[in-house]
Amino acid sequence: MAELGITVLGGEEKCRVCGEDRILMVCEGEYEPGDRIVFETDETDTFYVIRVDSSLDEAYVYLKERKVEYVIPFAEKKISYNPACFTGGPLYHYAQGGESGERKLPQSGI
């Protein structure tokens, strides 16, 4: 079982949650420039399912390090995102250990 943690940081820690294998964090408030989401785990070189915002799809990622930081985009860096991303509150973040065979890849139909 993987130990997981999610933290929202700005000038100080805004919200934090820890757990095993699957965690969901709901945080009141809004993002400010300089904020970042930090995903932490005790198991590296394995797959995880991560969602950085409720208006974005989850990502199936391979983590090689114990800690990954996602900087919240603002101004021109946010142009390519859905306008609802990273706005308002509450803020939702999700992380789950990706067991082998748990997620099926899309079929090409060929």
PDB file of N, CA and C in Angstrom:
ATOM      1  N   MET A   1       0.836  -1.182   0.000  1.00  0.00           N
ATOM      2  CA  MET A   1       0.000   0.000   0.000  1.00  0.00           C
ATOM      3  C   MET A   1       0.879   1.242   0.000  1.00  0.00           C
ATOM      4  N   ALA A   2       0.563   2.154  -0.875  1.00  0.00           N
ATOM      5  CA  ALA A   2       1.331   3.387  -0.978  1.00  0.00           C
ATOM      6  C   ALA A   2       0.786   4.434  -0.017  1.00  0.00           C
ATOM      7  N   GLU A   3       1.688   5.129   0.654  1.00  0.00           N
ATOM      8  CA  GLU A   3       1.327   6.295   1.456  1.00  0.00           C
ATOM      9  C   GLU A   3       1.312   7.477   0.510  1.00  0.00           C
ATOM     10  N   LEU A   4       0.203   8.221   0.492  1.00  0.00           N
ATOM     11  CA  LEU A   4       0.047   9.353  -0.414  1.00  0.00           C
ATOM     12  C   LEU A   4      -0.241  10.619   0.374  1.00  0.00           C
ATOM     13  N   GLY A   5       0.156  11.751  -0.189  1.00  0.00           N
ATOM     14  CA  GLY A   5      -0.149  13.033   0.415  1.00  0.00           C
ATOM     15  C   GLY A   5      -0.376  14.080  -0.659  1.00  0.00           C
ATOM     16  N   ILE A   6      -1.297  14.992  -0.385  1.00  0.00           N
ATOM     17  CA  ILE A   6      -1.533  16.134  -1.276  1.00  0.00           C
ATOM     18  C   ILE A   6      -1.496  17.378  -0.394  1.00  0.00           C
ATOM     19  N   THR A   7      -0.774  18.393  -0.852  1.00  0.00           N
ATOM     20  CA  THR A   7      -0.676  19.652  -0.116  1.00  0.00           C
ATOM     21  C   THR A   7      -0.858  20.797  -1.096  1.00  0.00           C
ATOM     22  N   VAL A   8      -1.637  21.803  -0.719  1.00  0.00           N
ATOM     23  CA  VAL A   8      -1.729  23.041  -1.494  1.00  0.00           C
ATOM     24  C   VAL A   8      -0.903  24.069  -0.740  1.00  0.00           C
ATOM     25  N   LEU A   9       0.096  24.601  -1.432  1.00  0.00           N
ATOM     26  CA  LEU A   9       1.014  25.563  -0.829  1.00  0.00           C
ATOM     27  C   LEU A   9       0.942  26.902  -1.546  1.00  0.00           C
ATOM     28  N   GLY A  10       1.065  27.960  -0.802  1.00  0.00           N
ATOM     29  CA  GLY A  10       1.230  29.306  -1.326  1.00  0.00           C
ATOM     30  C   GLY A  10       2.395  29.881  -0.562  1.00  0.00           C
ATOM     31  N   GLY A  11       2.185  31.011   0.088  1.00  0.00           N
ATOM     32  CA  GLY A  11       3.191  31.512   0.998  1.00  0.00           C
ATOM     33  C   GLY A  11       3.263  30.637   2.239  1.00  0.00           C
ATOM     34  N   GLU A  12       2.186  29.901   2.490  1.00  0.00           N
ATOM     35  CA  GLU A  12       2.105  28.971   3.612  1.00  0.00           C
ATOM     36  C   GLU A  12       1.265  27.772   3.190  1.00  0.00           C
ATOM     37  N   GLU A  13       1.213  26.760   4.036  1.00  0.00           N
ATOM     38  CA  GLU A  13       0.397  25.582   3.737  1.00  0.00           C
ATOM     39  C   GLU A  13      -1.080  25.952   3.873  1.00  0.00           C
ATOM     40  N   LYS A  14      -1.849  25.736   2.791  1.00  0.00           N
ATOM     41  CA  LYS A  14      -3.264  26.080   2.789  1.00  0.00           C
ATOM     42  C   LYS A  14      -4.143  24.888   3.127  1.00  0.00           C
ATOM     43  N   CYS A  15      -3.713  23.706   2.721  1.00  0.00           N
ATOM     44  CA  CYS A  15      -4.519  22.513   2.914  1.00  0.00           C
ATOM     45  C   CYS A  15      -3.626  21.292   2.749  1.00  0.00           C
ATOM     46  N   ARG A  16      -3.912  20.221   3.526  1.00  0.00           N
ATOM     47  CA  ARG A  16      -3.086  19.009   3.439  1.00  0.00           C
ATOM     48  C   ARG A  16      -3.933  17.803   3.808  1.00  0.00           C
ATOM     49  N   VAL A  17      -3.701  16.689   3.105  1.00  0.00           N
ATOM     50  CA  VAL A  17      -4.357  15.425   3.427  1.00  0.00           C
ATOM     51  C   VAL A  17      -3.376  14.289   3.140  1.00  0.00           C
ATOM     52  N   CYS A  18      -3.417  13.246   3.956  1.00  0.00           N
ATOM     53  CA  CYS A  18      -2.572  12.067   3.764  1.00  0.00           C
ATOM     54  C   CYS A  18      -3.436  10.822   3.920  1.00  0.00           C
ATOM     55  N   GLY A  19      -2.998   9.733   3.312  1.00  0.00           N
ATOM     56  CA  GLY A  19      -3.723   8.474   3.434  1.00  0.00           C
ATOM     57  C   GLY A  19      -3.013   7.371   2.689  1.00  0.00           C
ATOM     58  N   GLU A  20      -3.690   6.234   2.562  1.00  0.00           N
ATOM     59  CA  GLU A  20      -3.127   5.077   1.874  1.00  0.00           C
ATOM     60  C   GLU A  20      -3.899   4.785   0.598  1.00  0.00           C
ATOM     61  N   ASP A  21      -3.185   4.565  -0.474  1.00  0.00           N
ATOM     62  CA  ASP A  21      -3.682   4.110  -1.770  1.00  0.00           C
ATOM     63  C   ASP A  21      -4.622   5.054  -2.509  1.00  0.00           C
ATOM     64  N   ARG A  22      -5.554   5.715  -1.842  1.00  0.00           N
ATOM     65  CA  ARG A  22      -6.502   6.594  -2.531  1.00  0.00           C
ATOM     66  C   ARG A  22      -6.885   7.734  -1.604  1.00  0.00           C
ATOM     67  N   ILE A  23      -6.697   8.978  -2.058  1.00  0.00           N
ATOM     68  CA  ILE A  23      -7.056  10.126  -1.225  1.00  0.00           C
ATOM     69  C   ILE A  23      -7.764  11.189  -2.055  1.00  0.00           C
ATOM     70  N   LEU A  24      -8.685  11.876  -1.413  1.00  0.00           N
ATOM     71  CA  LEU A  24      -9.419  12.988  -2.009  1.00  0.00           C
ATOM     72  C   LEU A  24      -9.285  14.162  -1.058  1.00  0.00           C
ATOM     73  N   MET A  25      -8.922  15.308  -1.604  1.00  0.00           N
ATOM     74  CA  MET A  25      -8.794  16.506  -0.782  1.00  0.00           C
ATOM     75  C   MET A  25      -9.788  17.546  -1.272  1.00  0.00           C
ATOM     76  N   VAL A  26     -10.582  18.072  -0.359  1.00  0.00           N
ATOM     77  CA  VAL A  26     -11.506  19.167  -0.635  1.00  0.00           C
ATOM     78  C   VAL A  26     -11.051  20.322   0.233  1.00  0.00           C
ATOM     79  N   CYS A  27     -10.746  21.431  -0.416  1.00  0.00           N
ATOM     80  CA  CYS A  27     -10.137  22.564   0.273  1.00  0.00           C
ATOM     81  C   CYS A  27     -10.948  23.828  -0.026  1.00  0.00           C
ATOM     82  N   GLU A  28     -11.321  24.553   0.999  1.00  0.00           N
ATOM     83  CA  GLU A  28     -12.033  25.821   0.806  1.00  0.00           C
ATOM     84  C   GLU A  28     -11.043  26.914   0.422  1.00  0.00           C
ATOM     85  N   GLY A  29     -11.522  27.888  -0.318  1.00  0.00           N
ATOM     86  CA  GLY A  29     -10.663  29.006  -0.685  1.00  0.00           C
ATOM     87  C   GLY A  29     -10.437  29.074  -2.179  1.00  0.00           C
ATOM     88  N   GLU A  30      -9.569  29.965  -2.584  1.00  0.00           N
ATOM     89  CA  GLU A  30      -9.233  30.149  -3.996  1.00  0.00           C
ATOM     90  C   GLU A  30      -7.721  30.173  -4.145  1.00  0.00           C
ATOM     91  N   TYR A  31      -7.279  29.878  -5.368  1.00  0.00           N
ATOM     92  CA  TYR A  31      -5.853  29.934  -5.655  1.00  0.00           C
ATOM     93  C   TYR A  31      -5.396  31.371  -5.833  1.00  0.00           C
ATOM     94  N   GLU A  32      -4.129  31.581  -5.536  1.00  0.00           N
ATOM     95  CA  GLU A  32      -3.485  32.869  -5.746  1.00  0.00           C
ATOM     96  C   GLU A  32      -2.206  32.631  -6.528  1.00  0.00           C
ATOM     97  N   PRO A  33      -1.714  33.642  -7.256  1.00  0.00           N
ATOM     98  CA  PRO A  33      -0.452  33.464  -7.976  1.00  0.00           C
ATOM     99  C   PRO A  33       0.642  32.948  -7.049  1.00  0.00           C
ATOM    100  N   GLY A  34       1.395  31.965  -7.533  1.00  0.00           N
ATOM    101  CA  GLY A  34       2.456  31.348  -6.748  1.00  0.00           C
ATOM    102  C   GLY A  34       2.035  30.071  -6.048  1.00  0.00           C
ATOM    103  N   ASP A  35       0.721  29.781  -6.022  1.00  0.00           N
ATOM    104  CA  ASP A  35       0.247  28.550  -5.381  1.00  0.00           C
ATOM    105  C   ASP A  35       0.667  27.336  -6.194  1.00  0.00           C
ATOM    106  N   ARG A  36       0.825  26.206  -5.501  1.00  0.00           N
ATOM    107  CA  ARG A  36       1.170  24.954  -6.172  1.00  0.00           C
ATOM    108  C   ARG A  36       0.569  23.782  -5.404  1.00  0.00           C
ATOM    109  N   ILE A  37       0.347  22.694  -6.124  1.00  0.00           N
ATOM    110  CA  ILE A  37      -0.163  21.457  -5.545  1.00  0.00           C
ATOM    111  C   ILE A  37       1.004  20.484  -5.494  1.00  0.00           C
ATOM    112  N   VAL A  38       1.232  19.891  -4.339  1.00  0.00           N
ATOM    113  CA  VAL A  38       2.337  18.956  -4.164  1.00  0.00           C
ATOM    114  C   VAL A  38       1.756  17.562  -3.896  1.00  0.00           C
ATOM    115  N   PHE A  39       2.118  16.607  -4.751  1.00  0.00           N
ATOM    116  CA  PHE A  39       1.749  15.209  -4.570  1.00  0.00           C
ATOM    117  C   PHE A  39       2.968  14.476  -4.039  1.00  0.00           C
ATOM    118  N   GLU A  40       2.783  13.692  -2.961  1.00  0.00           N
ATOM    119  CA  GLU A  40       3.894  12.955  -2.361  1.00  0.00           C
ATOM    120  C   GLU A  40       3.517  11.482  -2.187  1.00  0.00           C
ATOM    121  N   THR A  41       4.516  10.608  -2.287  1.00  0.00           N
ATOM    122  CA  THR A  41       4.311   9.179  -2.095  1.00  0.00           C
ATOM    123  C   THR A  41       5.569   8.555  -1.517  1.00  0.00           C
ATOM    124  N   ASP A  42       5.397   7.401  -0.897  1.00  0.00           N
ATOM    125  CA  ASP A  42       6.571   6.689  -0.393  1.00  0.00           C
ATOM    126  C   ASP A  42       7.027   5.608  -1.364  1.00  0.00           C
ATOM    127  N   GLU A  43       6.255   5.363  -2.429  1.00  0.00           N
ATOM    128  CA  GLU A  43       6.616   4.357  -3.431  1.00  0.00           C
ATOM    129  C   GLU A  43       6.857   5.037  -4.775  1.00  0.00           C
ATOM    130  N   THR A  44       8.064   4.901  -5.299  1.00  0.00           N
ATOM    131  CA  THR A  44       8.401   5.492  -6.583  1.00  0.00           C
ATOM    132  C   THR A  44       8.502   4.412  -7.645  1.00  0.00           C
ATOM    133  N   ASP A  45       8.760   4.836  -8.871  1.00  0.00           N
ATOM    134  CA  ASP A  45       8.868   3.948 -10.021  1.00  0.00           C
ATOM    135  C   ASP A  45       7.620   3.090 -10.183  1.00  0.00           C
ATOM    136  N   THR A  46       6.476   3.744 -10.069  1.00  0.00           N
ATOM    137  CA  THR A  46       5.196   3.075 -10.272  1.00  0.00           C
ATOM    138  C   THR A  46       4.180   4.082 -10.803  1.00  0.00           C
ATOM    139  N   PHE A  47       3.016   3.588 -11.208  1.00  0.00           N
ATOM    140  CA  PHE A  47       1.979   4.423 -11.796  1.00  0.00           C
ATOM    141  C   PHE A  47       0.999   4.931 -10.744  1.00  0.00           C
ATOM    142  N   TYR A  48       0.474   6.140 -10.985  1.00  0.00           N
ATOM    143  CA  TYR A  48      -0.536   6.753 -10.125  1.00  0.00           C
ATOM    144  C   TYR A  48      -1.577   7.433 -10.998  1.00  0.00           C
ATOM    145  N   VAL A  49      -2.771   7.582 -10.455  1.00  0.00           N
ATOM    146  CA  VAL A  49      -3.835   8.354 -11.082  1.00  0.00           C
ATOM    147  C   VAL A  49      -3.937   9.644 -10.279  1.00  0.00           C
ATOM    148  N   ILE A  50      -3.808  10.783 -10.966  1.00  0.00           N
ATOM    149  CA  ILE A  50      -3.796  12.082 -10.296  1.00  0.00           C
ATOM    150  C   ILE A  50      -4.765  13.026 -11.003  1.00  0.00           C
ATOM    151  N   ARG A  51      -5.513  13.781 -10.216  1.00  0.00           N
ATOM    152  CA  ARG A  51      -6.383  14.838 -10.747  1.00  0.00           C
ATOM    153  C   ARG A  51      -6.017  16.128 -10.025  1.00  0.00           C
ATOM    154  N   VAL A  52      -5.594  17.150 -10.786  1.00  0.00           N
ATOM    155  CA  VAL A  52      -5.165  18.404 -10.176  1.00  0.00           C
ATOM    156  C   VAL A  52      -6.295  19.417 -10.020  1.00  0.00           C
ATOM    157  N   ASP A  53      -7.437  19.179 -10.684  1.00  0.00           N
ATOM    158  CA  ASP A  53      -8.581  20.077 -10.575  1.00  0.00           C
ATOM    159  C   ASP A  53      -9.835  19.317 -10.989  1.00  0.00           C
ATOM    160  N   SER A  54     -10.966  19.642 -10.387  1.00  0.00           N
ATOM    161  CA  SER A  54     -12.199  18.916 -10.685  1.00  0.00           C
ATOM    162  C   SER A  54     -12.672  19.122 -12.128  1.00  0.00           C
ATOM    163  N   SER A  55     -12.236  20.182 -12.802  1.00  0.00           N
ATOM    164  CA  SER A  55     -12.655  20.422 -14.177  1.00  0.00           C
ATOM    165  C   SER A  55     -11.685  19.832 -15.211  1.00  0.00           C
ATOM    166  N   LEU A  56     -10.663  19.114 -14.740  1.00  0.00           N
ATOM    167  CA  LEU A  56      -9.714  18.443 -15.634  1.00  0.00           C
ATOM    168  C   LEU A  56      -9.852  16.934 -15.481  1.00  0.00           C
ATOM    169  N   ASP A  57      -9.531  16.204 -16.546  1.00  0.00           N
ATOM    170  CA  ASP A  57      -9.531  14.751 -16.467  1.00  0.00           C
ATOM    171  C   ASP A  57      -8.383  14.281 -15.586  1.00  0.00           C
ATOM    172  N   GLU A  58      -8.535  13.066 -15.077  1.00  0.00           N
ATOM    173  CA  GLU A  58      -7.435  12.483 -14.316  1.00  0.00           C
ATOM    174  C   GLU A  58      -6.324  12.085 -15.272  1.00  0.00           C
ATOM    175  N   ALA A  59      -5.116  12.048 -14.760  1.00  0.00           N
ATOM    176  CA  ALA A  59      -3.949  11.663 -15.551  1.00  0.00           C
ATOM    177  C   ALA A  59      -3.344  10.397 -14.959  1.00  0.00           C
ATOM    178  N   TYR A  60      -2.934   9.484 -15.812  1.00  0.00           N
ATOM    179  CA  TYR A  60      -2.272   8.255 -15.405  1.00  0.00           C
ATOM    180  C   TYR A  60      -0.787   8.497 -15.588  1.00  0.00           C
ATOM    181  N   VAL A  61      -0.058   8.657 -14.493  1.00  0.00           N
ATOM    182  CA  VAL A  61       1.334   9.098 -14.564  1.00  0.00           C
ATOM    183  C   VAL A  61       2.272   8.100 -13.896  1.00  0.00           C
ATOM    184  N   TYR A  62       3.505   8.094 -14.358  1.00  0.00           N
ATOM    185  CA  TYR A  62       4.561   7.265 -13.780  1.00  0.00           C
ATOM    186  C   TYR A  62       5.457   8.178 -12.965  1.00  0.00           C
ATOM    187  N   LEU A  63       5.520   7.950 -11.648  1.00  0.00           N
ATOM    188  CA  LEU A  63       6.322   8.809 -10.785  1.00  0.00           C
ATOM    189  C   LEU A  63       7.665   8.174 -10.484  1.00  0.00           C
ATOM    190  N   LYS A  64       8.720   8.922 -10.788  1.00  0.00           N
ATOM    191  CA  LYS A  64      10.082   8.461 -10.526  1.00  0.00           C
ATOM    192  C   LYS A  64      10.645   9.076  -9.252  1.00  0.00           C
ATOM    193  N   GLU A  65       9.955  10.082  -8.723  1.00  0.00           N
ATOM    194  CA  GLU A  65      10.415  10.761  -7.522  1.00  0.00           C
ATOM    195  C   GLU A  65       9.318  10.729  -6.471  1.00  0.00           C
ATOM    196  N   ARG A  66       9.692  10.962  -5.227  1.00  0.00           N
ATOM    197  CA  ARG A  66       8.726  10.905  -4.120  1.00  0.00           C
ATOM    198  C   ARG A  66       7.799  12.118  -4.081  1.00  0.00           C
ATOM    199  N   LYS A  67       8.200  13.209  -4.723  1.00  0.00           N
ATOM    200  CA  LYS A  67       7.415  14.438  -4.657  1.00  0.00           C
ATOM    201  C   LYS A  67       7.339  15.087  -6.041  1.00  0.00           C
ATOM    202  N   VAL A  68       6.127  15.496  -6.420  1.00  0.00           N
ATOM    203  CA  VAL A  68       5.905  16.192  -7.690  1.00  0.00           C
ATOM    204  C   VAL A  68       5.102  17.449  -7.398  1.00  0.00           C
ATOM    205  N   GLU A  69       5.540  18.590  -7.945  1.00  0.00           N
ATOM    206  CA  GLU A  69       4.838  19.851  -7.741  1.00  0.00           C
ATOM    207  C   GLU A  69       4.177  20.301  -9.033  1.00  0.00           C
ATOM    208  N   TYR A  70       2.936  20.770  -8.916  1.00  0.00           N
ATOM    209  CA  TYR A  70       2.181  21.305 -10.043  1.00  0.00           C
ATOM    210  C   TYR A  70       1.890  22.768  -9.721  1.00  0.00           C
ATOM    211  N   VAL A  71       2.478  23.676 -10.488  1.00  0.00           N
ATOM    212  CA  VAL A  71       2.283  25.111 -10.273  1.00  0.00           C
ATOM    213  C   VAL A  71       0.968  25.529 -10.927  1.00  0.00           C
ATOM    214  N   ILE A  72       0.118  26.220 -10.158  1.00  0.00           N
ATOM    215  CA  ILE A  72      -1.177  26.673 -10.668  1.00  0.00           C
ATOM    216  C   ILE A  72      -0.937  27.788 -11.687  1.00  0.00           C
ATOM    217  N   PRO A  73      -1.467  27.617 -12.916  1.00  0.00           N
ATOM    218  CA  PRO A  73      -1.247  28.637 -13.951  1.00  0.00           C
ATOM    219  C   PRO A  73      -2.152  29.863 -13.770  1.00  0.00           C
ATOM    220  N   PHE A  74      -1.606  31.019 -14.076  1.00  0.00           N
ATOM    221  CA  PHE A  74      -2.354  32.276 -14.062  1.00  0.00           C
ATOM    222  C   PHE A  74      -2.026  33.052 -15.328  1.00  0.00           C
ATOM    223  N   ALA A  75      -2.876  34.038 -15.640  1.00  0.00           N
ATOM    224  CA  ALA A  75      -2.686  34.959 -16.771  1.00  0.00           C
ATOM    225  C   ALA A  75      -2.467  34.197 -18.073  1.00  0.00           C
ATOM    226  N   GLU A  76      -1.403  34.523 -18.812  1.00  0.00           N
ATOM    227  CA  GLU A  76      -1.180  33.918 -20.131  1.00  0.00           C
ATOM    228  C   GLU A  76      -0.893  32.420 -20.055  1.00  0.00           C
ATOM    229  N   LYS A  77      -0.426  31.916 -18.923  1.00  0.00           N
ATOM    230  CA  LYS A  77      -0.153  30.483 -18.786  1.00  0.00           C
ATOM    231  C   LYS A  77      -1.431  29.661 -18.633  1.00  0.00           C
ATOM    232  N   LYS A  78      -2.545  30.330 -18.390  1.00  0.00           N
ATOM    233  CA  LYS A  78      -3.821  29.646 -18.194  1.00  0.00           C
ATOM    234  C   LYS A  78      -4.687  29.627 -19.458  1.00  0.00           C
ATOM    235  N   ILE A  79      -4.251  30.263 -20.518  1.00  0.00           N
ATOM    236  CA  ILE A  79      -5.048  30.414 -21.732  1.00  0.00           C
ATOM    237  C   ILE A  79      -5.479  29.072 -22.319  1.00  0.00           C
ATOM    238  N   SER A  80      -4.639  28.058 -22.279  1.00  0.00           N
ATOM    239  CA  SER A  80      -4.956  26.775 -22.912  1.00  0.00           C
ATOM    240  C   SER A  80      -5.863  25.881 -22.058  1.00  0.00           C
ATOM    241  N   TYR A  81      -6.229  26.312 -20.862  1.00  0.00           N
ATOM    242  CA  TYR A  81      -7.077  25.534 -19.958  1.00  0.00           C
ATOM    243  C   TYR A  81      -8.537  25.945 -20.088  1.00  0.00           C
ATOM    244  N   ASN A  82      -9.423  25.072 -19.672  1.00  0.00           N
ATOM    245  CA  ASN A  82     -10.843  25.376 -19.544  1.00  0.00           C
ATOM    246  C   ASN A  82     -10.964  26.583 -18.610  1.00  0.00           C
ATOM    247  N   PRO A  83     -11.819  27.566 -18.946  1.00  0.00           N
ATOM    248  CA  PRO A  83     -11.943  28.760 -18.085  1.00  0.00           C
ATOM    249  C   PRO A  83     -12.362  28.439 -16.647  1.00  0.00           C
ATOM    250  N   ALA A  84     -12.996  27.285 -16.428  1.00  0.00           N
ATOM    251  CA  ALA A  84     -13.424  26.900 -15.081  1.00  0.00           C
ATOM    252  C   ALA A  84     -12.290  26.326 -14.231  1.00  0.00           C
ATOM    253  N   CYS A  85     -11.173  26.003 -14.854  1.00  0.00           N
ATOM    254  CA  CYS A  85     -10.054  25.400 -14.118  1.00  0.00           C
ATOM    255  C   CYS A  85      -9.434  26.376 -13.130  1.00  0.00           C
ATOM    256  N   PHE A  86      -9.139  25.866 -11.952  1.00  0.00           N
ATOM    257  CA  PHE A  86      -8.394  26.599 -10.927  1.00  0.00           C
ATOM    258  C   PHE A  86      -9.077  27.887 -10.497  1.00  0.00           C
ATOM    259  N   THR A  87     -10.421  27.908 -10.522  1.00  0.00           N
ATOM    260  CA  THR A  87     -11.162  29.092 -10.081  1.00  0.00           C
ATOM    261  C   THR A  87     -12.172  28.697  -9.009  1.00  0.00           C
ATOM    262  N   GLY A  88     -12.522  29.654  -8.183  1.00  0.00           N
ATOM    263  CA  GLY A  88     -13.553  29.436  -7.170  1.00  0.00           C
ATOM    264  C   GLY A  88     -13.183  28.378  -6.156  1.00  0.00           C
ATOM    265  N   GLY A  89     -14.139  28.003  -5.376  1.00  0.00           N
ATOM    266  CA  GLY A  89     -13.939  26.978  -4.372  1.00  0.00           C
ATOM    267  C   GLY A  89     -15.223  26.199  -4.219  1.00  0.00           C
ATOM    268  N   PRO A  90     -15.248  25.091  -3.600  1.00  0.00           N
ATOM    269  CA  PRO A  90     -14.095  24.423  -3.010  1.00  0.00           C
ATOM    270  C   PRO A  90     -13.176  23.814  -4.083  1.00  0.00           C
ATOM    271  N   LEU A  91     -11.959  23.523  -3.690  1.00  0.00           N
ATOM    272  CA  LEU A  91     -10.949  22.970  -4.590  1.00  0.00           C
ATOM    273  C   LEU A  91     -10.853  21.461  -4.357  1.00  0.00           C
ATOM    274  N   TYR A  92     -10.880  20.675  -5.429  1.00  0.00           N
ATOM    275  CA  TYR A  92     -10.836  19.218  -5.335  1.00  0.00           C
ATOM    276  C   TYR A  92      -9.548  18.672  -5.964  1.00  0.00           C
ATOM    277  N   HIS A  93      -8.875  17.767  -5.249  1.00  0.00           N
ATOM    278  CA  HIS A  93      -7.674  17.104  -5.751  1.00  0.00           C
ATOM    279  C   HIS A  93      -7.765  15.634  -5.392  1.00  0.00           C
ATOM    280  N   TYR A  94      -7.191  14.776  -6.247  1.00  0.00           N
ATOM    281  CA  TYR A  94      -7.334  13.336  -6.066  1.00  0.00           C
ATOM    282  C   TYR A  94      -6.038  12.636  -6.445  1.00  0.00           C
ATOM    283  N   ALA A  95      -5.699  11.586  -5.717  1.00  0.00           N
ATOM    284  CA  ALA A  95      -4.546  10.755  -6.066  1.00  0.00           C
ATOM    285  C   ALA A  95      -4.855   9.314  -5.673  1.00  0.00           C
ATOM    286  N   GLN A  96      -4.392   8.392  -6.508  1.00  0.00           N
ATOM    287  CA  GLN A  96      -4.612   6.969  -6.264  1.00  0.00           C
ATOM    288  C   GLN A  96      -3.450   6.182  -6.827  1.00  0.00           C
ATOM    289  N   GLY A  97      -3.041   5.145  -6.106  1.00  0.00           N
ATOM    290  CA  GLY A  97      -2.033   4.238  -6.624  1.00  0.00           C
ATOM    291  C   GLY A  97      -2.598   3.485  -7.811  1.00  0.00           C
ATOM    292  N   GLY A  98      -1.834   3.365  -8.881  1.00  0.00           N
ATOM    293  CA  GLY A  98      -2.296   2.690 -10.095  1.00  0.00           C
ATOM    294  C   GLY A  98      -1.821   1.251 -10.136  1.00  0.00           C
ATOM    295  N   GLU A  99      -2.652   0.341  -9.712  1.00  0.00           N
ATOM    296  CA  GLU A  99      -2.286  -1.075  -9.712  1.00  0.00           C
ATOM    297  C   GLU A  99      -2.178  -1.581 -11.142  1.00  0.00           C
ATOM    298  N   SER A 100      -1.288  -2.524 -11.365  1.00  0.00           N
ATOM    299  CA  SER A 100      -1.148  -3.075 -12.713  1.00  0.00           C
ATOM    300  C   SER A 100      -2.439  -3.775 -13.097  1.00  0.00           C
ATOM    301  N   GLY A 101      -2.898  -3.514 -14.304  1.00  0.00           N
ATOM    302  CA  GLY A 101      -4.124  -4.111 -14.798  1.00  0.00           C
ATOM    303  C   GLY A 101      -5.378  -3.389 -14.356  1.00  0.00           C
ATOM    304  N   GLU A 102      -5.245  -2.381 -13.473  1.00  0.00           N
ATOM    305  CA  GLU A 102      -6.413  -1.663 -12.977  1.00  0.00           C
ATOM    306  C   GLU A 102      -7.035  -0.783 -14.049  1.00  0.00           C
ATOM    307  N   ARG A 103      -6.217  -0.212 -14.884  1.00  0.00           N
ATOM    308  CA  ARG A 103      -6.705   0.713 -15.904  1.00  0.00           C
ATOM    309  C   ARG A 103      -6.433   0.103 -17.271  1.00  0.00           C
ATOM    310  N   LYS A 104      -7.468   0.001 -18.060  1.00  0.00           N
ATOM    311  CA  LYS A 104      -7.311  -0.533 -19.401  1.00  0.00           C
ATOM    312  C   LYS A 104      -7.064   0.607 -20.371  1.00  0.00           C
ATOM    313  N   LEU A 105      -6.139   0.407 -21.266  1.00  0.00           N
ATOM    314  CA  LEU A 105      -5.861   1.422 -22.266  1.00  0.00           C
ATOM    315  C   LEU A 105      -6.934   1.373 -23.345  1.00  0.00           C
ATOM    316  N   PRO A 106      -7.269   2.520 -23.968  1.00  0.00           N
ATOM    317  CA  PRO A 106      -8.281   2.531 -25.007  1.00  0.00           C
ATOM    318  C   PRO A 106      -7.875   1.626 -26.178  1.00  0.00           C
ATOM    319  N   GLN A 107      -8.845   0.973 -26.772  1.00  0.00           N
ATOM    320  CA  GLN A 107      -8.600   0.117 -27.916  1.00  0.00           C
ATOM    321  C   GLN A 107      -8.638   0.930 -29.196  1.00  0.00           C
ATOM    322  N   SER A 108      -7.772   0.627 -30.131  1.00  0.00           N
ATOM    323  CA  SER A 108      -7.697   1.395 -31.378  1.00  0.00           C
ATOM    324  C   SER A 108      -8.801   1.001 -32.358  1.00  0.00           C
ATOM    325  N   GLY A 109      -9.401  -0.163 -32.173  1.00  0.00           N
ATOM    326  CA  GLY A 109     -10.458  -0.595 -33.073  1.00  0.00           C
ATOM    327  C   GLY A 109      -9.940  -1.178 -34.368  1.00  0.00           C
ATOM    328  N   ILE A 110      -8.651  -1.378 -34.488  1.00  0.00           N
ATOM    329  CA  ILE A 110      -8.070  -1.922 -35.719  1.00  0.00           C
ATOM    330  C   ILE A 110      -7.990  -3.420 -35.635  1.00  0.00           C
TER     331      ILE A 110
END
